[in-house]
């Protein structure tokens, strides 16, 4: 049986991996074995961090809302409970944008639901 040198297939596979490593530095962009490992790891990090980004943004919106609610003399948890009770359909992202861009408008929303806030 003749020997198969895998020229075209191997070159195509290597080229695909090396193109994905275009921004890497030193041997990480042109030595195939190391590059293949680093590209695989980069895909794992990218997959994980696409999910973590959602978590990080939600944390940011909550921190902004908490600060804006404190300016209106209400806690974040009471504000969210009052908004749910009043059936206000604004999510945390939109509320934090309102709190930054239009503090008076955010204050009006808080005043509208203040009576529904739980008191302990």
PDB file of N, CA and C in Angstrom:
ATOM      1  N   UNK A   1       0.847  -1.182   0.000  1.00  0.00           N
ATOM      2  CA  UNK A   1       0.000   0.000   0.000  1.00  0.00           C
ATOM      3  C   UNK A   1       0.889   1.241   0.000  1.00  0.00           C
ATOM      4  N   UNK A   2       0.612   2.197  -0.856  1.00  0.00           N
ATOM      5  CA  UNK A   2       1.472   3.387  -0.931  1.00  0.00           C
ATOM      6  C   UNK A   2       1.314   4.295   0.291  1.00  0.00           C
ATOM      7  N   UNK A   3       2.367   5.034   0.549  1.00  0.00           N
ATOM      8  CA  UNK A   3       2.381   5.950   1.701  1.00  0.00           C
ATOM      9  C   UNK A   3       1.584   7.209   1.369  1.00  0.00           C
ATOM     10  N   UNK A   4       0.730   7.645   2.325  1.00  0.00           N
ATOM     11  CA  UNK A   4      -0.043   8.877   2.134  1.00  0.00           C
ATOM     12  C   UNK A   4       0.616   9.984   2.949  1.00  0.00           C
ATOM     13  N   UNK A   5       1.021  11.040   2.289  1.00  0.00           N
ATOM     14  CA  UNK A   5       1.743  12.109   2.986  1.00  0.00           C
ATOM     15  C   UNK A   5       0.819  13.192   3.545  1.00  0.00           C
ATOM     16  N   UNK A   6      -0.481  13.126   3.253  1.00  0.00           N
ATOM     17  CA  UNK A   6      -1.492  14.011   3.826  1.00  0.00           C
ATOM     18  C   UNK A   6      -1.257  15.487   3.500  1.00  0.00           C
ATOM     19  N   UNK A   7      -0.602  15.800   2.422  1.00  0.00           N
ATOM     20  CA  UNK A   7      -0.204  17.169   2.118  1.00  0.00           C
ATOM     21  C   UNK A   7      -1.341  18.175   2.144  1.00  0.00           C
ATOM     22  N   UNK A   8      -2.326  18.003   1.279  1.00  0.00           N
ATOM     23  CA  UNK A   8      -3.392  19.004   1.158  1.00  0.00           C
ATOM     24  C   UNK A   8      -4.250  19.075   2.413  1.00  0.00           C
ATOM     25  N   UNK A   9      -4.694  17.933   2.902  1.00  0.00           N
ATOM     26  CA  UNK A   9      -5.576  17.908   4.078  1.00  0.00           C
ATOM     27  C   UNK A   9      -4.887  18.496   5.308  1.00  0.00           C
ATOM     28  N   UNK A  10      -3.640  18.121   5.511  1.00  0.00           N
ATOM     29  CA  UNK A  10      -2.883  18.616   6.668  1.00  0.00           C
ATOM     30  C   UNK A  10      -2.670  20.120   6.568  1.00  0.00           C
ATOM     31  N   UNK A  11      -2.316  20.581   5.374  1.00  0.00           N
ATOM     32  CA  UNK A  11      -2.083  22.012   5.182  1.00  0.00           C
ATOM     33  C   UNK A  11      -3.366  22.810   5.435  1.00  0.00           C
ATOM     34  N   UNK A  12      -4.484  22.286   4.953  1.00  0.00           N
ATOM     35  CA  UNK A  12      -5.764  22.980   5.153  1.00  0.00           C
ATOM     36  C   UNK A  12      -6.129  23.052   6.635  1.00  0.00           C
ATOM     37  N   UNK A  13      -5.921  21.953   7.358  1.00  0.00           N
ATOM     38  CA  UNK A  13      -6.232  21.919   8.787  1.00  0.00           C
ATOM     39  C   UNK A  13      -5.316  22.870   9.564  1.00  0.00           C
ATOM     40  N   UNK A  14      -4.027  22.841   9.267  1.00  0.00           N
ATOM     41  CA  UNK A  14      -3.075  23.720   9.946  1.00  0.00           C
ATOM     42  C   UNK A  14      -3.394  25.185   9.658  1.00  0.00           C
ATOM     43  N   UNK A  15      -3.725  25.483   8.418  1.00  0.00           N
ATOM     44  CA  UNK A  15      -4.018  26.870   8.045  1.00  0.00           C
ATOM     45  C   UNK A  15      -5.224  27.397   8.815  1.00  0.00           C
ATOM     46  N   UNK A  16      -6.231  26.547   8.988  1.00  0.00           N
ATOM     47  CA  UNK A  16      -7.429  26.963   9.715  1.00  0.00           C
ATOM     48  C   UNK A  16      -7.093  27.325  11.169  1.00  0.00           C
ATOM     49  N   UNK A  17      -6.271  26.501  11.800  1.00  0.00           N
ATOM     50  CA  UNK A  17      -5.879  26.755  13.194  1.00  0.00           C
ATOM     51  C   UNK A  17      -5.021  28.012  13.283  1.00  0.00           C
ATOM     52  N   UNK A  18      -4.059  28.155  12.379  1.00  0.00           N
ATOM     53  CA  UNK A  18      -3.148  29.301  12.433  1.00  0.00           C
ATOM     54  C   UNK A  18      -3.874  30.615  12.145  1.00  0.00           C
ATOM     55  N   UNK A  19      -4.897  30.595  11.295  1.00  0.00           N
ATOM     56  CA  UNK A  19      -5.671  31.816  11.039  1.00  0.00           C
ATOM     57  C   UNK A  19      -6.431  32.249  12.290  1.00  0.00           C
ATOM     58  N   UNK A  20      -6.900  31.281  13.069  1.00  0.00           N
ATOM     59  CA  UNK A  20      -7.629  31.615  14.302  1.00  0.00           C
ATOM     60  C   UNK A  20      -6.705  32.198  15.362  1.00  0.00           C
ATOM     61  N   UNK A  21      -5.404  32.009  15.216  1.00  0.00           N
ATOM     62  CA  UNK A  21      -4.427  32.503  16.186  1.00  0.00           C
ATOM     63  C   UNK A  21      -3.742  33.764  15.680  1.00  0.00           C
ATOM     64  N   UNK A  22      -4.406  34.534  14.834  1.00  0.00           N
ATOM     65  CA  UNK A  22      -3.745  35.656  14.168  1.00  0.00           C
ATOM     66  C   UNK A  22      -3.230  36.715  15.137  1.00  0.00           C
ATOM     67  N   UNK A  23      -3.869  36.912  16.278  1.00  0.00           N
ATOM     68  CA  UNK A  23      -3.415  37.950  17.197  1.00  0.00           C
ATOM     69  C   UNK A  23      -2.459  37.456  18.262  1.00  0.00           C
ATOM     70  N   UNK A  24      -2.138  36.185  18.276  1.00  0.00           N
ATOM     71  CA  UNK A  24      -1.266  35.632  19.300  1.00  0.00           C
ATOM     72  C   UNK A  24       0.168  36.092  19.052  1.00  0.00           C
ATOM     73  N   UNK A  25       1.026  35.979  20.068  1.00  0.00           N
ATOM     74  CA  UNK A  25       2.397  36.481  19.949  1.00  0.00           C
ATOM     75  C   UNK A  25       3.410  35.338  19.998  1.00  0.00           C
ATOM     76  N   UNK A  26       4.596  35.616  19.458  1.00  0.00           N
ATOM     77  CA  UNK A  26       5.734  34.702  19.449  1.00  0.00           C
ATOM     78  C   UNK A  26       5.372  33.350  18.850  1.00  0.00           C
ATOM     79  N   UNK A  27       5.766  32.251  19.506  1.00  0.00           N
ATOM     80  CA  UNK A  27       5.532  30.927  18.946  1.00  0.00           C
ATOM     81  C   UNK A  27       4.080  30.513  18.985  1.00  0.00           C
ATOM     82  N   UNK A  28       3.282  31.250  19.713  1.00  0.00           N
ATOM     83  CA  UNK A  28       1.876  30.892  19.828  1.00  0.00           C
ATOM     84  C   UNK A  28       1.113  31.148  18.546  1.00  0.00           C
ATOM     85  N   UNK A  29       1.717  31.835  17.590  1.00  0.00           N
ATOM     86  CA  UNK A  29       0.997  32.099  16.348  1.00  0.00           C
ATOM     87  C   UNK A  29       1.535  31.330  15.147  1.00  0.00           C
ATOM     88  N   UNK A  30       2.676  30.649  15.292  1.00  0.00           N
ATOM     89  CA  UNK A  30       3.210  29.987  14.107  1.00  0.00           C
ATOM     90  C   UNK A  30       3.746  28.573  14.353  1.00  0.00           C
ATOM     91  N   UNK A  31       3.707  28.089  15.566  1.00  0.00           N
ATOM     92  CA  UNK A  31       4.111  26.708  15.841  1.00  0.00           C
ATOM     93  C   UNK A  31       2.828  25.912  16.077  1.00  0.00           C
ATOM     94  N   UNK A  32       2.554  24.994  15.173  1.00  0.00           N
ATOM     95  CA  UNK A  32       1.217  24.411  15.097  1.00  0.00           C
ATOM     96  C   UNK A  32       0.760  23.739  16.379  1.00  0.00           C
ATOM     97  N   UNK A  33       1.593  22.902  16.978  1.00  0.00           N
ATOM     98  CA  UNK A  33       1.124  22.135  18.130  1.00  0.00           C
ATOM     99  C   UNK A  33       0.735  23.070  19.284  1.00  0.00           C
ATOM    100  N   UNK A  34       1.601  24.024  19.580  1.00  0.00           N
ATOM    101  CA  UNK A  34       1.313  24.990  20.655  1.00  0.00           C
ATOM    102  C   UNK A  34       0.107  25.849  20.289  1.00  0.00           C
ATOM    103  N   UNK A  35       0.028  26.264  19.042  1.00  0.00           N
ATOM    104  CA  UNK A  35      -1.074  27.104  18.600  1.00  0.00           C
ATOM    105  C   UNK A  35      -2.400  26.366  18.729  1.00  0.00           C
ATOM    106  N   UNK A  36      -2.414  25.094  18.359  1.00  0.00           N
ATOM    107  CA  UNK A  36      -3.655  24.316  18.434  1.00  0.00           C
ATOM    108  C   UNK A  36      -4.150  24.246  19.871  1.00  0.00           C
ATOM    109  N   UNK A  37      -3.240  24.035  20.823  1.00  0.00           N
ATOM    110  CA  UNK A  37      -3.626  23.992  22.239  1.00  0.00           C
ATOM    111  C   UNK A  37      -4.194  25.334  22.685  1.00  0.00           C
ATOM    112  N   UNK A  38      -3.520  26.423  22.292  1.00  0.00           N
ATOM    113  CA  UNK A  38      -3.947  27.746  22.742  1.00  0.00           C
ATOM    114  C   UNK A  38      -5.265  28.177  22.094  1.00  0.00           C
ATOM    115  N   UNK A  39      -5.480  27.778  20.851  1.00  0.00           N
ATOM    116  CA  UNK A  39      -6.745  28.100  20.189  1.00  0.00           C
ATOM    117  C   UNK A  39      -7.885  27.355  20.871  1.00  0.00           C
ATOM    118  N   UNK A  40      -7.666  26.077  21.209  1.00  0.00           N
ATOM    119  CA  UNK A  40      -8.696  25.318  21.921  1.00  0.00           C
ATOM    120  C   UNK A  40      -9.022  25.978  23.258  1.00  0.00           C
ATOM    121  N   UNK A  41      -7.982  26.385  23.977  1.00  0.00           N
ATOM    122  CA  UNK A  41      -8.193  27.031  25.267  1.00  0.00           C
ATOM    123  C   UNK A  41      -8.914  28.369  25.095  1.00  0.00           C
ATOM    124  N   UNK A  42      -8.573  29.099  24.037  1.00  0.00           N
ATOM    125  CA  UNK A  42      -9.233  30.383  23.782  1.00  0.00           C
ATOM    126  C   UNK A  42     -10.722  30.187  23.528  1.00  0.00           C
ATOM    127  N   UNK A  43     -11.088  29.112  22.808  1.00  0.00           N
ATOM    128  CA  UNK A  43     -12.505  28.834  22.573  1.00  0.00           C
ATOM    129  C   UNK A  43     -13.216  28.515  23.884  1.00  0.00           C
ATOM    130  N   UNK A  44     -12.547  27.801  24.777  1.00  0.00           N
ATOM    131  CA  UNK A  44     -13.145  27.477  26.077  1.00  0.00           C
ATOM    132  C   UNK A  44     -13.378  28.750  26.885  1.00  0.00           C
ATOM    133  N   UNK A  45     -12.374  29.637  26.921  1.00  0.00           N
ATOM    134  CA  UNK A  45     -12.522  30.895  27.644  1.00  0.00           C
ATOM    135  C   UNK A  45     -13.626  31.752  27.034  1.00  0.00           C
ATOM    136  N   UNK A  46     -13.691  31.788  25.706  1.00  0.00           N
ATOM    137  CA  UNK A  46     -14.700  32.608  25.040  1.00  0.00           C
ATOM    138  C   UNK A  46     -16.097  32.103  25.380  1.00  0.00           C
ATOM    139  N   UNK A  47     -16.294  30.798  25.371  1.00  0.00           N
ATOM    140  CA  UNK A  47     -17.596  30.208  25.700  1.00  0.00           C
ATOM    141  C   UNK A  47     -17.989  30.561  27.137  1.00  0.00           C
ATOM    142  N   UNK A  48     -17.046  30.374  28.056  1.00  0.00           N
ATOM    143  CA  UNK A  48     -17.309  30.665  29.462  1.00  0.00           C
ATOM    144  C   UNK A  48     -17.618  32.146  29.677  1.00  0.00           C
ATOM    145  N   UNK A  49     -16.835  33.010  29.050  1.00  0.00           N
ATOM    146  CA  UNK A  49     -16.965  34.438  29.318  1.00  0.00           C
ATOM    147  C   UNK A  49     -18.153  35.069  28.626  1.00  0.00           C
ATOM    148  N   UNK A  50     -18.681  34.439  27.577  1.00  0.00           N
ATOM    149  CA  UNK A  50     -19.938  34.938  27.019  1.00  0.00           C
ATOM    150  C   UNK A  50     -21.053  34.808  28.047  1.00  0.00           C
ATOM    151  N   UNK A  51     -20.996  33.790  28.866  1.00  0.00           N
ATOM    152  CA  UNK A  51     -21.992  33.631  29.928  1.00  0.00           C
ATOM    153  C   UNK A  51     -21.687  34.542  31.113  1.00  0.00           C
ATOM    154  N   UNK A  52     -20.409  34.670  31.460  1.00  0.00           N
ATOM    155  CA  UNK A  52     -20.034  35.530  32.584  1.00  0.00           C
ATOM    156  C   UNK A  52     -20.351  36.994  32.303  1.00  0.00           C
ATOM    157  N   UNK A  53     -20.299  37.392  31.035  1.00  0.00           N
ATOM    158  CA  UNK A  53     -20.591  38.783  30.685  1.00  0.00           C
ATOM    159  C   UNK A  53     -22.019  39.149  31.087  1.00  0.00           C
ATOM    160  N   UNK A  54     -22.949  38.232  30.899  1.00  0.00           N
ATOM    161  CA  UNK A  54     -24.338  38.479  31.287  1.00  0.00           C
ATOM    162  C   UNK A  54     -24.433  38.686  32.799  1.00  0.00           C
ATOM    163  N   UNK A  55     -23.699  37.855  33.542  1.00  0.00           N
ATOM    164  CA  UNK A  55     -23.690  37.956  34.995  1.00  0.00           C
ATOM    165  C   UNK A  55     -23.090  39.292  35.435  1.00  0.00           C
ATOM    166  N   UNK A  56     -21.988  39.684  34.792  1.00  0.00           N
ATOM    167  CA  UNK A  56     -21.308  40.927  35.165  1.00  0.00           C
ATOM    168  C   UNK A  56     -22.182  42.143  34.904  1.00  0.00           C
ATOM    169  N   UNK A  57     -22.877  42.157  33.764  1.00  0.00           N
ATOM    170  CA  UNK A  57     -23.740  43.297  33.467  1.00  0.00           C
ATOM    171  C   UNK A  57     -24.907  43.381  34.437  1.00  0.00           C
ATOM    172  N   UNK A  58     -25.499  42.239  34.783  1.00  0.00           N
ATOM    173  CA  UNK A  58     -26.603  42.256  35.752  1.00  0.00           C
ATOM    174  C   UNK A  58     -26.118  42.814  37.093  1.00  0.00           C
ATOM    175  N   UNK A  59     -24.920  42.424  37.517  1.00  0.00           N
ATOM    176  CA  UNK A  59     -24.341  42.948  38.756  1.00  0.00           C
ATOM    177  C   UNK A  59     -24.160  44.462  38.678  1.00  0.00           C
ATOM    178  N   UNK A  60     -23.692  44.942  37.530  1.00  0.00           N
ATOM    179  CA  UNK A  60     -23.511  46.382  37.332  1.00  0.00           C
ATOM    180  C   UNK A  60     -24.838  47.117  37.410  1.00  0.00           C
ATOM    181  N   UNK A  61     -25.882  46.586  36.744  1.00  0.00           N
ATOM    182  CA  UNK A  61     -27.192  47.243  36.770  1.00  0.00           C
ATOM    183  C   UNK A  61     -27.745  47.296  38.185  1.00  0.00           C
ATOM    184  N   UNK A  62     -27.553  46.219  38.946  1.00  0.00           N
ATOM    185  CA  UNK A  62     -28.059  46.183  40.317  1.00  0.00           C
ATOM    186  C   UNK A  62     -27.319  47.199  41.181  1.00  0.00           C
ATOM    187  N   UNK A  63     -26.010  47.323  40.995  1.00  0.00           N
ATOM    188  CA  UNK A  63     -25.238  48.303  41.766  1.00  0.00           C
ATOM    189  C   UNK A  63     -25.706  49.722  41.452  1.00  0.00           C
ATOM    190  N   UNK A  64     -25.947  50.012  40.180  1.00  0.00           N
ATOM    191  CA  UNK A  64     -26.429  51.337  39.780  1.00  0.00           C
ATOM    192  C   UNK A  64     -27.809  51.609  40.360  1.00  0.00           C
ATOM    193  N   UNK A  65     -28.688  50.616  40.285  1.00  0.00           N
ATOM    194  CA  UNK A  65     -30.040  50.793  40.822  1.00  0.00           C
ATOM    195  C   UNK A  65     -30.011  50.988  42.332  1.00  0.00           C
ATOM    196  N   UNK A  66     -29.144  50.266  42.999  1.00  0.00           N
ATOM    197  CA  UNK A  66     -29.031  50.392  44.448  1.00  0.00           C
ATOM    198  C   UNK A  66     -28.602  51.808  44.831  1.00  0.00           C
ATOM    199  N   UNK A  67     -27.631  52.362  44.098  1.00  0.00           N
ATOM    200  CA  UNK A  67     -27.167  53.726  44.373  1.00  0.00           C
ATOM    201  C   UNK A  67     -28.264  54.738  44.075  1.00  0.00           C
ATOM    202  N   UNK A  68     -28.961  54.554  42.957  1.00  0.00           N
ATOM    203  CA  UNK A  68     -30.034  55.485  42.591  1.00  0.00           C
ATOM    204  C   UNK A  68     -31.197  55.391  43.574  1.00  0.00           C
ATOM    205  N   UNK A  69     -31.493  54.183  44.035  1.00  0.00           N
ATOM    206  CA  UNK A  69     -32.577  54.002  45.014  1.00  0.00           C
ATOM    207  C   UNK A  69     -32.199  54.643  46.345  1.00  0.00           C
ATOM    208  N   UNK A  70     -30.933  54.543  46.725  1.00  0.00           N
ATOM    209  CA  UNK A  70     -30.480  55.160  47.974  1.00  0.00           C
ATOM    210  C   UNK A  70     -30.643  56.676  47.911  1.00  0.00           C
ATOM    211  N   UNK A  71     -30.439  57.264  46.717  1.00  0.00           N
ATOM    212  CA  UNK A  71     -30.663  58.704  46.560  1.00  0.00           C
ATOM    213  C   UNK A  71     -32.126  59.073  46.762  1.00  0.00           C
ATOM    214  N   UNK A  72     -33.010  58.110  46.506  1.00  0.00           N
ATOM    215  CA  UNK A  72     -34.456  58.343  46.669  1.00  0.00           C
ATOM    216  C   UNK A  72     -34.961  57.818  48.018  1.00  0.00           C
ATOM    217  N   UNK A  73     -34.038  57.492  48.936  1.00  0.00           N
ATOM    218  CA  UNK A  73     -34.372  57.038  50.282  1.00  0.00           C
ATOM    219  C   UNK A  73     -35.209  55.757  50.297  1.00  0.00           C
ATOM    220  N   UNK A  74     -34.836  54.807  49.491  1.00  0.00           N
ATOM    221  CA  UNK A  74     -35.479  53.494  49.501  1.00  0.00           C
ATOM    222  C   UNK A  74     -34.392  52.474  49.193  1.00  0.00           C
ATOM    223  N   UNK A  75     -34.501  51.288  49.767  1.00  0.00           N
ATOM    224  CA  UNK A  75     -33.486  50.264  49.498  1.00  0.00           C
ATOM    225  C   UNK A  75     -33.779  49.593  48.156  1.00  0.00           C
ATOM    226  N   UNK A  76     -32.747  48.963  47.611  1.00  0.00           N
ATOM    227  CA  UNK A  76     -32.895  48.290  46.316  1.00  0.00           C
ATOM    228  C   UNK A  76     -33.943  47.187  46.405  1.00  0.00           C
ATOM    229  N   UNK A  77     -33.883  46.373  47.459  1.00  0.00           N
ATOM    230  CA  UNK A  77     -34.798  45.233  47.557  1.00  0.00           C
ATOM    231  C   UNK A  77     -36.241  45.699  47.686  1.00  0.00           C
ATOM    232  N   UNK A  78     -36.469  46.773  48.445  1.00  0.00           N
ATOM    233  CA  UNK A  78     -37.837  47.292  48.580  1.00  0.00           C
ATOM    234  C   UNK A  78     -38.322  47.900  47.263  1.00  0.00           C
ATOM    235  N   UNK A  79     -37.408  48.547  46.550  1.00  0.00           N
ATOM    236  CA  UNK A  79     -37.770  49.114  45.253  1.00  0.00           C
ATOM    237  C   UNK A  79     -38.203  48.022  44.287  1.00  0.00           C
ATOM    238  N   UNK A  80     -37.426  46.948  44.192  1.00  0.00           N
ATOM    239  CA  UNK A  80     -37.750  45.857  43.274  1.00  0.00           C
ATOM    240  C   UNK A  80     -39.063  45.186  43.692  1.00  0.00           C
ATOM    241  N   UNK A  81     -39.250  44.991  44.993  1.00  0.00           N
ATOM    242  CA  UNK A  81     -40.501  44.380  45.466  1.00  0.00           C
ATOM    243  C   UNK A  81     -41.698  45.261  45.110  1.00  0.00           C
ATOM    244  N   UNK A  82     -41.553  46.577  45.274  1.00  0.00           N
ATOM    245  CA  UNK A  82     -42.642  47.499  44.949  1.00  0.00           C
ATOM    246  C   UNK A  82     -42.927  47.513  43.451  1.00  0.00           C
ATOM    247  N   UNK A  83     -41.880  47.464  42.642  1.00  0.00           N
ATOM    248  CA  UNK A  83     -42.071  47.436  41.188  1.00  0.00           C
ATOM    249  C   UNK A  83     -42.799  46.168  40.758  1.00  0.00           C
ATOM    250  N   UNK A  84     -42.466  45.041  41.375  1.00  0.00           N
ATOM    251  CA  UNK A  84     -43.148  43.790  41.045  1.00  0.00           C
ATOM    252  C   UNK A  84     -44.615  43.850  41.469  1.00  0.00           C
ATOM    253  N   UNK A  85     -44.856  44.425  42.654  1.00  0.00           N
ATOM    254  CA  UNK A  85     -46.228  44.509  43.161  1.00  0.00           C
ATOM    255  C   UNK A  85     -47.073  45.445  42.295  1.00  0.00           C
ATOM    256  N   UNK A  86     -46.450  46.513  41.774  1.00  0.00           N
ATOM    257  CA  UNK A  86     -47.152  47.456  40.914  1.00  0.00           C
ATOM    258  C   UNK A  86     -47.218  46.962  39.469  1.00  0.00           C
ATOM    259  N   UNK A  87     -46.619  45.785  39.214  1.00  0.00           N
ATOM    260  CA  UNK A  87     -46.594  45.184  37.888  1.00  0.00           C
ATOM    261  C   UNK A  87     -45.955  46.098  36.840  1.00  0.00           C
ATOM    262  N   UNK A  88     -44.876  46.771  37.247  1.00  0.00           N
ATOM    263  CA  UNK A  88     -44.092  47.585  36.315  1.00  0.00           C
ATOM    264  C   UNK A  88     -43.184  46.631  35.550  1.00  0.00           C
ATOM    265  N   UNK A  89     -43.265  46.642  34.234  1.00  0.00           N
ATOM    266  CA  UNK A  89     -42.561  45.668  33.395  1.00  0.00           C
ATOM    267  C   UNK A  89     -41.218  46.192  32.881  1.00  0.00           C
ATOM    268  N   UNK A  90     -40.492  46.952  33.697  1.00  0.00           N
ATOM    269  CA  UNK A  90     -39.171  47.449  33.316  1.00  0.00           C
ATOM    270  C   UNK A  90     -38.118  46.543  33.957  1.00  0.00           C
ATOM    271  N   UNK A  91     -37.170  46.084  33.149  1.00  0.00           N
ATOM    272  CA  UNK A  91     -36.126  45.239  33.716  1.00  0.00           C
ATOM    273  C   UNK A  91     -34.999  46.094  34.303  1.00  0.00           C
ATOM    274  N   UNK A  92     -34.025  45.433  34.909  1.00  0.00           N
ATOM    275  CA  UNK A  92     -32.954  46.150  35.607  1.00  0.00           C
ATOM    276  C   UNK A  92     -32.097  46.969  34.648  1.00  0.00           C
ATOM    277  N   UNK A  93     -31.902  46.476  33.435  1.00  0.00           N
ATOM    278  CA  UNK A  93     -31.105  47.205  32.450  1.00  0.00           C
ATOM    279  C   UNK A  93     -31.763  48.534  32.122  1.00  0.00           C
ATOM    280  N   UNK A  94     -33.040  48.508  31.808  1.00  0.00           N
ATOM    281  CA  UNK A  94     -33.764  49.727  31.439  1.00  0.00           C
ATOM    282  C   UNK A  94     -33.845  50.677  32.631  1.00  0.00           C
ATOM    283  N   UNK A  95     -34.122  50.138  33.805  1.00  0.00           N
ATOM    284  CA  UNK A  95     -34.203  50.983  34.995  1.00  0.00           C
ATOM    285  C   UNK A  95     -32.866  51.668  35.283  1.00  0.00           C
ATOM    286  N   UNK A  96     -31.753  50.947  35.110  1.00  0.00           N
ATOM    287  CA  UNK A  96     -30.454  51.570  35.378  1.00  0.00           C
ATOM    288  C   UNK A  96     -30.140  52.639  34.336  1.00  0.00           C
ATOM    289  N   UNK A  97     -30.548  52.408  33.078  1.00  0.00           N
ATOM    290  CA  UNK A  97     -30.365  53.437  32.047  1.00  0.00           C
ATOM    291  C   UNK A  97     -31.173  54.683  32.378  1.00  0.00           C
ATOM    292  N   UNK A  98     -32.400  54.501  32.847  1.00  0.00           N
ATOM    293  CA  UNK A  98     -33.237  55.639  33.240  1.00  0.00           C
ATOM    294  C   UNK A  98     -32.600  56.372  34.416  1.00  0.00           C
ATOM    295  N   UNK A  99     -32.098  55.619  35.396  1.00  0.00           N
ATOM    296  CA  UNK A  99     -31.485  56.222  36.576  1.00  0.00           C
ATOM    297  C   UNK A  99     -30.274  57.079  36.208  1.00  0.00           C
ATOM    298  N   UNK A 100     -29.538  56.679  35.169  1.00  0.00           N
ATOM    299  CA  UNK A 100     -28.355  57.441  34.759  1.00  0.00           C
ATOM    300  C   UNK A 100     -28.748  58.623  33.879  1.00  0.00           C
ATOM    301  N   UNK A 101     -29.571  58.365  32.870  1.00  0.00           N
ATOM    302  CA  UNK A 101     -29.889  59.394  31.881  1.00  0.00           C
ATOM    303  C   UNK A 101     -30.908  60.413  32.387  1.00  0.00           C
ATOM    304  N   UNK A 102     -31.855  59.968  33.227  1.00  0.00           N
ATOM    305  CA  UNK A 102     -32.950  60.839  33.668  1.00  0.00           C
ATOM    306  C   UNK A 102     -33.258  60.591  35.142  1.00  0.00           C
ATOM    307  N   UNK A 103     -32.429  61.142  36.041  1.00  0.00           N
ATOM    308  CA  UNK A 103     -32.645  60.894  37.475  1.00  0.00           C
ATOM    309  C   UNK A 103     -34.020  61.362  37.964  1.00  0.00           C
ATOM    310  N   UNK A 104     -34.541  62.446  37.401  1.00  0.00           N
ATOM    311  CA  UNK A 104     -35.869  62.910  37.816  1.00  0.00           C
ATOM    312  C   UNK A 104     -36.946  61.914  37.397  1.00  0.00           C
ATOM    313  N   UNK A 105     -36.807  61.369  36.210  1.00  0.00           N
ATOM    314  CA  UNK A 105     -37.755  60.348  35.753  1.00  0.00           C
ATOM    315  C   UNK A 105     -37.695  59.111  36.622  1.00  0.00           C
ATOM    316  N   UNK A 106     -36.480  58.718  37.014  1.00  0.00           N
ATOM    317  CA  UNK A 106     -36.339  57.577  37.913  1.00  0.00           C
ATOM    318  C   UNK A 106     -36.980  57.885  39.262  1.00  0.00           C
ATOM    319  N   UNK A 107     -36.781  59.122  39.751  1.00  0.00           N
ATOM    320  CA  UNK A 107     -37.413  59.523  41.008  1.00  0.00           C
ATOM    321  C   UNK A 107     -38.929  59.464  40.918  1.00  0.00           C
ATOM    322  N   UNK A 108     -39.476  59.823  39.745  1.00  0.00           N
ATOM    323  CA  UNK A 108     -40.929  59.760  39.560  1.00  0.00           C
ATOM    324  C   UNK A 108     -41.417  58.318  39.603  1.00  0.00           C
ATOM    325  N   UNK A 109     -40.652  57.408  39.009  1.00  0.00           N
ATOM    326  CA  UNK A 109     -41.022  55.985  39.058  1.00  0.00           C
ATOM    327  C   UNK A 109     -41.017  55.500  40.497  1.00  0.00           C
ATOM    328  N   UNK A 110     -39.997  55.904  41.253  1.00  0.00           N
ATOM    329  CA  UNK A 110     -39.893  55.482  42.652  1.00  0.00           C
ATOM    330  C   UNK A 110     -41.074  56.035  43.454  1.00  0.00           C
ATOM    331  N   UNK A 111     -41.407  57.304  43.259  1.00  0.00           N
ATOM    332  CA  UNK A 111     -42.533  57.901  43.994  1.00  0.00           C
ATOM    333  C   UNK A 111     -43.852  57.223  43.649  1.00  0.00           C
ATOM    334  N   UNK A 112     -43.983  56.791  42.414  1.00  0.00           N
ATOM    335  CA  UNK A 112     -45.211  56.145  41.969  1.00  0.00           C
ATOM    336  C   UNK A 112     -45.425  54.808  42.690  1.00  0.00           C
ATOM    337  N   UNK A 113     -44.342  54.084  42.969  1.00  0.00           N
ATOM    338  CA  UNK A 113     -44.480  52.760  43.587  1.00  0.00           C
ATOM    339  C   UNK A 113     -44.132  52.767  45.069  1.00  0.00           C
ATOM    340  N   UNK A 114     -43.747  53.892  45.624  1.00  0.00           N
ATOM    341  CA  UNK A 114     -43.288  53.936  47.016  1.00  0.00           C
ATOM    342  C   UNK A 114     -44.320  53.383  47.994  1.00  0.00           C
ATOM    343  N   UNK A 115     -45.578  53.673  47.792  1.00  0.00           N
ATOM    344  CA  UNK A 115     -46.612  53.198  48.698  1.00  0.00           C
ATOM    345  C   UNK A 115     -46.761  51.680  48.701  1.00  0.00           C
ATOM    346  N   UNK A 116     -46.296  51.025  47.666  1.00  0.00           N
ATOM    347  CA  UNK A 116     -46.409  49.566  47.590  1.00  0.00           C
ATOM    348  C   UNK A 116     -45.194  48.850  48.174  1.00  0.00           C
ATOM    349  N   UNK A 117     -44.163  49.624  48.570  1.00  0.00           N
ATOM    350  CA  UNK A 117     -42.945  49.022  49.103  1.00  0.00           C
ATOM    351  C   UNK A 117     -43.239  48.373  50.446  1.00  0.00           C
ATOM    352  N   UNK A 118     -42.739  47.162  50.659  1.00  0.00           N
ATOM    353  CA  UNK A 118     -42.970  46.498  51.947  1.00  0.00           C
ATOM    354  C   UNK A 118     -42.248  47.235  53.069  1.00  0.00           C
ATOM    355  N   UNK A 119     -42.853  47.281  54.217  1.00  0.00           N
ATOM    356  CA  UNK A 119     -42.241  47.911  55.397  1.00  0.00           C
ATOM    357  C   UNK A 119     -42.129  46.880  56.496  1.00  0.00           C
ATOM    358  N   UNK A 120     -40.975  46.864  57.142  1.00  0.00           N
ATOM    359  CA  UNK A 120     -40.761  45.899  58.239  1.00  0.00           C
ATOM    360  C   UNK A 120     -40.552  46.633  59.522  1.00  0.00           C
TER     361      UNK A 120
END
